[in-house]
Amino acid sequence: MQCEGPDDLTPEERSLFAALPREREPGRLLEERTVRALRERGALELPAPRRRFPAAWIGGAVAASMALFTSGVAMGQWMGARSTERLVAQIQAENTRQAALMVQQTGTAYVHALGKLATLADTAQPAQAAQAREVAVRGLRAAAGELVRIAPDDPVASGILAGYDRARATARPDSAAQRQVVWF
């Protein structure tokens, strides 16, 4: 029998037709075959495998990274302290060398000034010559005092101070009052 439209159906056929499902769920097999065919043609790529790490691995990785970070900080501090110690030692050595050079230059100037004083002592007035000698002796005493402070067991500096003290004790009190010292 030929049907030309829904009106040509009998009421029984209409009820059977209405009882038919409107959608039909394809089977799992159809889906798998379709996906396989699309992959074979290159239309679909294989899904990337999911990598799941166990919690123990993640905990171990975190612990290892913390240990690496901590050891890096400790190593950096140690190396920084070591280089700082070397730098301070170099600066101290340089300062000591500069101080020694300054003492040498000052000592040379002192000896040179004493030599000039000796040559001028004959032509200078007695009061001026005495004043110059007093300044030279006091400078020598101050230098000897500093040397004793630096090296208390130095016999030369101690001898200079002892000689100065003996000379001062034997000097007449009235001549000490007449002396005038001019410091430069």
C-alpha atoms as a PDB file:
ATOM      1  CA  MET A   1       0.000   0.000   0.000  1.00  0.00           C
ATOM      2  CA  GLN A   2       1.186   3.388  -0.873  1.00  0.00           C
ATOM      3  CA  CYS A   3       0.941   6.283   1.551  1.00  0.00           C
ATOM      4  CA  GLU A   4       0.965   9.733   0.253  1.00  0.00           C
ATOM      5  CA  GLY A   5       0.776  11.584   3.571  1.00  0.00           C
ATOM      6  CA  PRO A   6      -0.055  11.260   7.259  1.00  0.00           C
ATOM      7  CA  ASP A   7      -3.764  11.531   6.495  1.00  0.00           C
ATOM      8  CA  ASP A   8      -3.730   8.338   4.454  1.00  0.00           C
ATOM      9  CA  LEU A   9      -2.821   6.272   7.525  1.00  0.00           C
ATOM     10  CA  THR A  10      -5.351   4.296   9.405  1.00  0.00           C
ATOM     11  CA  PRO A  11      -5.919   5.119  13.071  1.00  0.00           C
ATOM     12  CA  GLU A  12      -4.125   1.941  14.078  1.00  0.00           C
ATOM     13  CA  GLU A  13      -1.110   2.837  11.917  1.00  0.00           C
ATOM     14  CA  ARG A  14      -1.152   6.329  13.368  1.00  0.00           C
ATOM     15  CA  SER A  15      -1.026   5.016  16.915  1.00  0.00           C
ATOM     16  CA  LEU A  16       1.805   2.626  16.015  1.00  0.00           C
ATOM     17  CA  PHE A  17       3.594   5.454  14.224  1.00  0.00           C
ATOM     18  CA  ALA A  18       3.189   7.739  17.259  1.00  0.00           C
ATOM     19  CA  ALA A  19       4.534   5.000  19.548  1.00  0.00           C
ATOM     20  CA  LEU A  20       7.812   4.891  17.650  1.00  0.00           C
ATOM     21  CA  PRO A  21      10.689   6.657  19.466  1.00  0.00           C
ATOM     22  CA  ARG A  22      11.604  10.091  18.054  1.00  0.00           C
ATOM     23  CA  GLU A  23      15.368   9.581  18.700  1.00  0.00           C
ATOM     24  CA  ARG A  24      17.442   6.475  18.788  1.00  0.00           C
ATOM     25  CA  GLU A  25      20.665   6.157  20.837  1.00  0.00           C
ATOM     26  CA  PRO A  26      23.458   4.776  18.643  1.00  0.00           C
ATOM     27  CA  GLY A  27      25.336   1.856  20.143  1.00  0.00           C
ATOM     28  CA  ARG A  28      28.795   2.115  21.655  1.00  0.00           C
ATOM     29  CA  LEU A  29      30.147   0.027  18.806  1.00  0.00           C
ATOM     30  CA  LEU A  30      29.015   2.606  16.222  1.00  0.00           C
ATOM     31  CA  GLU A  31      30.809   5.403  18.109  1.00  0.00           C
ATOM     32  CA  GLU A  32      34.035   3.395  18.361  1.00  0.00           C
ATOM     33  CA  ARG A  33      33.970   2.502  14.653  1.00  0.00           C
ATOM     34  CA  THR A  34      33.354   6.148  13.705  1.00  0.00           C
ATOM     35  CA  VAL A  35      36.214   7.424  15.873  1.00  0.00           C
ATOM     36  CA  ARG A  36      38.590   4.733  14.519  1.00  0.00           C
ATOM     37  CA  ALA A  37      37.681   5.601  10.941  1.00  0.00           C
ATOM     38  CA  LEU A  38      38.250   9.324  11.570  1.00  0.00           C
ATOM     39  CA  ARG A  39      41.656   8.616  13.149  1.00  0.00           C
ATOM     40  CA  GLU A  40      42.679   6.438  10.202  1.00  0.00           C
ATOM     41  CA  ARG A  41      41.848   9.288   7.840  1.00  0.00           C
ATOM     42  CA  GLY A  42      43.813  11.749  10.042  1.00  0.00           C
ATOM     43  CA  ALA A  43      40.775  13.790  11.039  1.00  0.00           C
ATOM     44  CA  LEU A  44      41.296  13.054  14.766  1.00  0.00           C
ATOM     45  CA  GLU A  45      44.522  12.883  16.758  1.00  0.00           C
ATOM     46  CA  LEU A  46      45.179  10.452  19.533  1.00  0.00           C
ATOM     47  CA  PRO A  47      44.520  12.007  22.920  1.00  0.00           C
ATOM     48  CA  ALA A  48      47.607  12.816  24.970  1.00  0.00           C
ATOM     49  CA  PRO A  49      48.012  10.312  27.764  1.00  0.00           C
ATOM     50  CA  ARG A  50      47.322  11.804  31.170  1.00  0.00           C
ATOM     51  CA  ARG A  51      50.200  11.506  33.521  1.00  0.00           C
ATOM     52  CA  ARG A  52      49.302  11.298  37.111  1.00  0.00           C
ATOM     53  CA  PHE A  53      52.021  11.425  39.684  1.00  0.00           C
ATOM     54  CA  PRO A  54      51.554   9.756  43.004  1.00  0.00           C
ATOM     55  CA  ALA A  55      51.333  12.015  46.057  1.00  0.00           C
ATOM     56  CA  ALA A  56      54.636  10.576  47.330  1.00  0.00           C
ATOM     57  CA  TRP A  57      56.404  11.780  44.183  1.00  0.00           C
ATOM     58  CA  ILE A  58      54.969  15.282  44.517  1.00  0.00           C
ATOM     59  CA  GLY A  59      55.918  15.429  48.205  1.00  0.00           C
ATOM     60  CA  GLY A  60      59.434  14.220  47.405  1.00  0.00           C
ATOM     61  CA  ALA A  61      59.812  16.809  44.645  1.00  0.00           C
ATOM     62  CA  VAL A  62      58.719  19.618  46.975  1.00  0.00           C
ATOM     63  CA  ALA A  63      61.113  18.423  49.705  1.00  0.00           C
ATOM     64  CA  ALA A  64      63.992  18.169  47.214  1.00  0.00           C
ATOM     65  CA  SER A  65      63.335  21.666  45.844  1.00  0.00           C
ATOM     66  CA  MET A  66      63.215  23.118  49.372  1.00  0.00           C
ATOM     67  CA  ALA A  67      66.483  21.374  50.250  1.00  0.00           C
ATOM     68  CA  LEU A  68      68.124  22.673  47.069  1.00  0.00           C
ATOM     69  CA  PHE A  69      66.926  26.222  47.741  1.00  0.00           C
ATOM     70  CA  THR A  70      68.066  26.145  51.375  1.00  0.00           C
ATOM     71  CA  SER A  71      71.490  24.750  50.506  1.00  0.00           C
ATOM     72  CA  GLY A  72      71.858  27.418  47.799  1.00  0.00           C
ATOM     73  CA  VAL A  73      71.106  30.189  50.275  1.00  0.00           C
ATOM     74  CA  ALA A  74      73.531  28.725  52.830  1.00  0.00           C
ATOM     75  CA  MET A  75      76.275  28.348  50.210  1.00  0.00           C
ATOM     76  CA  GLY A  76      75.738  31.917  49.006  1.00  0.00           C
ATOM     77  CA  GLN A  77      75.993  33.290  52.525  1.00  0.00           C
ATOM     78  CA  TRP A  78      79.134  31.275  53.222  1.00  0.00           C
ATOM     79  CA  MET A  79      80.809  32.416  50.014  1.00  0.00           C
ATOM     80  CA  GLY A  80      79.763  36.024  50.639  1.00  0.00           C
ATOM     81  CA  ALA A  81      81.157  35.951  54.175  1.00  0.00           C
ATOM     82  CA  ARG A  82      84.389  34.373  52.959  1.00  0.00           C
ATOM     83  CA  SER A  83      84.914  36.996  50.265  1.00  0.00           C
ATOM     84  CA  THR A  84      84.052  39.751  52.748  1.00  0.00           C
ATOM     85  CA  GLU A  85      86.679  38.433  55.178  1.00  0.00           C
ATOM     86  CA  ARG A  86      89.275  38.472  52.411  1.00  0.00           C
ATOM     87  CA  LEU A  87      88.299  41.995  51.402  1.00  0.00           C
ATOM     88  CA  VAL A  88      88.535  43.277  54.994  1.00  0.00           C
ATOM     89  CA  ALA A  89      91.943  41.595  55.382  1.00  0.00           C
ATOM     90  CA  GLN A  90      93.155  43.239  52.161  1.00  0.00           C
ATOM     91  CA  ILE A  91      91.893  46.641  53.271  1.00  0.00           C
ATOM     92  CA  GLN A  92      93.583  46.261  56.673  1.00  0.00           C
ATOM     93  CA  ALA A  93      96.833  45.204  55.015  1.00  0.00           C
ATOM     94  CA  GLU A  94      96.625  48.184  52.668  1.00  0.00           C
ATOM     95  CA  ASN A  95      95.871  50.556  55.579  1.00  0.00           C
ATOM     96  CA  THR A  96      98.810  49.149  57.548  1.00  0.00           C
ATOM     97  CA  ARG A  97     101.074  49.558  54.527  1.00  0.00           C
ATOM     98  CA  GLN A  98      99.898  53.145  54.013  1.00  0.00           C
ATOM     99  CA  ALA A  99     100.383  53.945  57.709  1.00  0.00           C
ATOM    100  CA  ALA A 100     103.924  52.514  57.596  1.00  0.00           C
ATOM    101  CA  LEU A 101     104.663  54.568  54.485  1.00  0.00           C
ATOM    102  CA  MET A 102     103.333  57.699  56.200  1.00  0.00           C
ATOM    103  CA  VAL A 103     105.506  57.030  59.290  1.00  0.00           C
ATOM    104  CA  GLN A 104     108.523  56.575  57.037  1.00  0.00           C
ATOM    105  CA  GLN A 105     107.834  59.827  55.178  1.00  0.00           C
ATOM    106  CA  THR A 106     107.218  61.724  58.422  1.00  0.00           C
ATOM    107  CA  GLY A 107     110.374  60.283  60.016  1.00  0.00           C
ATOM    108  CA  THR A 108     112.406  61.298  56.978  1.00  0.00           C
ATOM    109  CA  ALA A 109     110.968  64.819  57.166  1.00  0.00           C
ATOM    110  CA  TYR A 110     111.720  64.956  60.915  1.00  0.00           C
ATOM    111  CA  VAL A 111     115.344  63.911  60.401  1.00  0.00           C
ATOM    112  CA  HIS A 112     115.678  66.375  57.510  1.00  0.00           C
ATOM    113  CA  ALA A 113     114.255  69.187  59.702  1.00  0.00           C
ATOM    114  CA  LEU A 114     116.667  68.278  62.517  1.00  0.00           C
ATOM    115  CA  GLY A 115     119.566  68.451  60.038  1.00  0.00           C
ATOM    116  CA  LYS A 116     118.475  71.908  58.963  1.00  0.00           C
ATOM    117  CA  LEU A 117     118.132  72.912  62.617  1.00  0.00           C
ATOM    118  CA  ALA A 118     121.692  71.772  63.265  1.00  0.00           C
ATOM    119  CA  THR A 119     123.053  73.878  60.395  1.00  0.00           C
ATOM    120  CA  LEU A 120     121.058  76.940  61.455  1.00  0.00           C
ATOM    121  CA  ALA A 121     121.845  76.618  65.179  1.00  0.00           C
ATOM    122  CA  ASP A 122     125.141  78.457  64.758  1.00  0.00           C
ATOM    123  CA  THR A 123     123.544  81.529  63.166  1.00  0.00           C
ATOM    124  CA  ALA A 124     120.310  81.644  65.191  1.00  0.00           C
ATOM    125  CA  GLN A 125     119.816  83.565  68.383  1.00  0.00           C
ATOM    126  CA  PRO A 126     120.231  81.428  71.510  1.00  0.00           C
ATOM    127  CA  ALA A 127     116.553  81.739  72.536  1.00  0.00           C
ATOM    128  CA  GLN A 128     115.353  80.651  69.103  1.00  0.00           C
ATOM    129  CA  ALA A 129     117.820  77.743  68.990  1.00  0.00           C
ATOM    130  CA  ALA A 130     116.718  76.567  72.460  1.00  0.00           C
ATOM    131  CA  GLN A 131     113.080  76.786  71.444  1.00  0.00           C
ATOM    132  CA  ALA A 132     113.736  74.774  68.266  1.00  0.00           C
ATOM    133  CA  ARG A 133     115.635  72.127  70.276  1.00  0.00           C
ATOM    134  CA  GLU A 134     112.762  71.912  72.776  1.00  0.00           C
ATOM    135  CA  VAL A 135     110.247  71.374  69.964  1.00  0.00           C
ATOM    136  CA  ALA A 136     112.460  68.660  68.454  1.00  0.00           C
ATOM    137  CA  VAL A 137     112.848  66.884  71.830  1.00  0.00           C
ATOM    138  CA  ARG A 138     109.125  67.023  72.563  1.00  0.00           C
ATOM    139  CA  GLY A 139     108.341  65.644  69.092  1.00  0.00           C
ATOM    140  CA  LEU A 140     110.791  62.799  69.700  1.00  0.00           C
ATOM    141  CA  ARG A 141     109.228  62.126  73.123  1.00  0.00           C
ATOM    142  CA  ALA A 142     105.698  62.039  71.623  1.00  0.00           C
ATOM    143  CA  ALA A 143     106.856  59.642  68.905  1.00  0.00           C
ATOM    144  CA  ALA A 144     108.564  57.412  71.492  1.00  0.00           C
ATOM    145  CA  GLY A 145     105.372  57.444  73.603  1.00  0.00           C
ATOM    146  CA  GLU A 146     103.296  56.255  70.629  1.00  0.00           C
ATOM    147  CA  LEU A 147     105.877  53.582  69.805  1.00  0.00           C
ATOM    148  CA  VAL A 148     105.757  52.295  73.405  1.00  0.00           C
ATOM    149  CA  ARG A 149     101.958  52.172  73.116  1.00  0.00           C
ATOM    150  CA  ILE A 150     102.244  50.103  69.916  1.00  0.00           C
ATOM    151  CA  ALA A 151     105.130  47.880  71.115  1.00  0.00           C
ATOM    152  CA  PRO A 152     105.434  48.040  74.929  1.00  0.00           C
ATOM    153  CA  ASP A 153     108.547  45.814  74.984  1.00  0.00           C
ATOM    154  CA  ASP A 154     110.570  47.952  72.558  1.00  0.00           C
ATOM    155  CA  PRO A 155     113.807  48.853  74.439  1.00  0.00           C
ATOM    156  CA  VAL A 156     114.705  51.836  72.215  1.00  0.00           C
ATOM    157  CA  ALA A 157     111.416  53.671  72.755  1.00  0.00           C
ATOM    158  CA  SER A 158     111.441  52.813  76.462  1.00  0.00           C
ATOM    159  CA  GLY A 159     115.041  54.116  76.724  1.00  0.00           C
ATOM    160  CA  ILE A 160     114.101  57.401  75.038  1.00  0.00           C
ATOM    161  CA  LEU A 161     111.216  57.899  77.466  1.00  0.00           C
ATOM    162  CA  ALA A 162     113.368  56.985  80.482  1.00  0.00           C
ATOM    163  CA  GLY A 163     116.093  59.412  79.377  1.00  0.00           C
ATOM    164  CA  TYR A 164     113.562  62.153  78.836  1.00  0.00           C
ATOM    165  CA  ASP A 165     112.086  61.599  82.309  1.00  0.00           C
ATOM    166  CA  ARG A 166     115.604  61.653  83.925  1.00  0.00           C
ATOM    167  CA  ALA A 167     116.486  64.864  82.114  1.00  0.00           C
ATOM    168  CA  ARG A 168     113.260  66.469  83.154  1.00  0.00           C
ATOM    169  CA  ALA A 169     113.748  65.480  86.794  1.00  0.00           C
ATOM    170  CA  THR A 170     117.255  66.968  86.916  1.00  0.00           C
ATOM    171  CA  ALA A 171     116.301  70.182  85.110  1.00  0.00           C
ATOM    172  CA  ARG A 172     115.986  73.279  87.213  1.00  0.00           C
ATOM    173  CA  PRO A 173     112.406  74.300  87.955  1.00  0.00           C
ATOM    174  CA  ASP A 174     112.991  77.996  87.184  1.00  0.00           C
ATOM    175  CA  SER A 175     114.463  77.244  83.724  1.00  0.00           C
ATOM    176  CA  ALA A 176     111.430  75.092  82.868  1.00  0.00           C
ATOM    177  CA  ALA A 177     109.133  78.031  83.585  1.00  0.00           C
ATOM    178  CA  GLN A 178     111.106  80.215  81.168  1.00  0.00           C
ATOM    179  CA  ARG A 179     110.752  77.772  78.259  1.00  0.00           C
ATOM    180  CA  GLN A 180     108.104  78.416  75.697  1.00  0.00           C
ATOM    181  CA  VAL A 181     107.170  75.667  73.277  1.00  0.00           C
ATOM    182  CA  VAL A 182     105.522  76.404  69.986  1.00  0.00           C
ATOM    183  CA  TRP A 183     103.829  73.389  68.448  1.00  0.00           C
ATOM    184  CA  PHE A 184     103.421  73.231  64.666  1.00  0.00           C
END
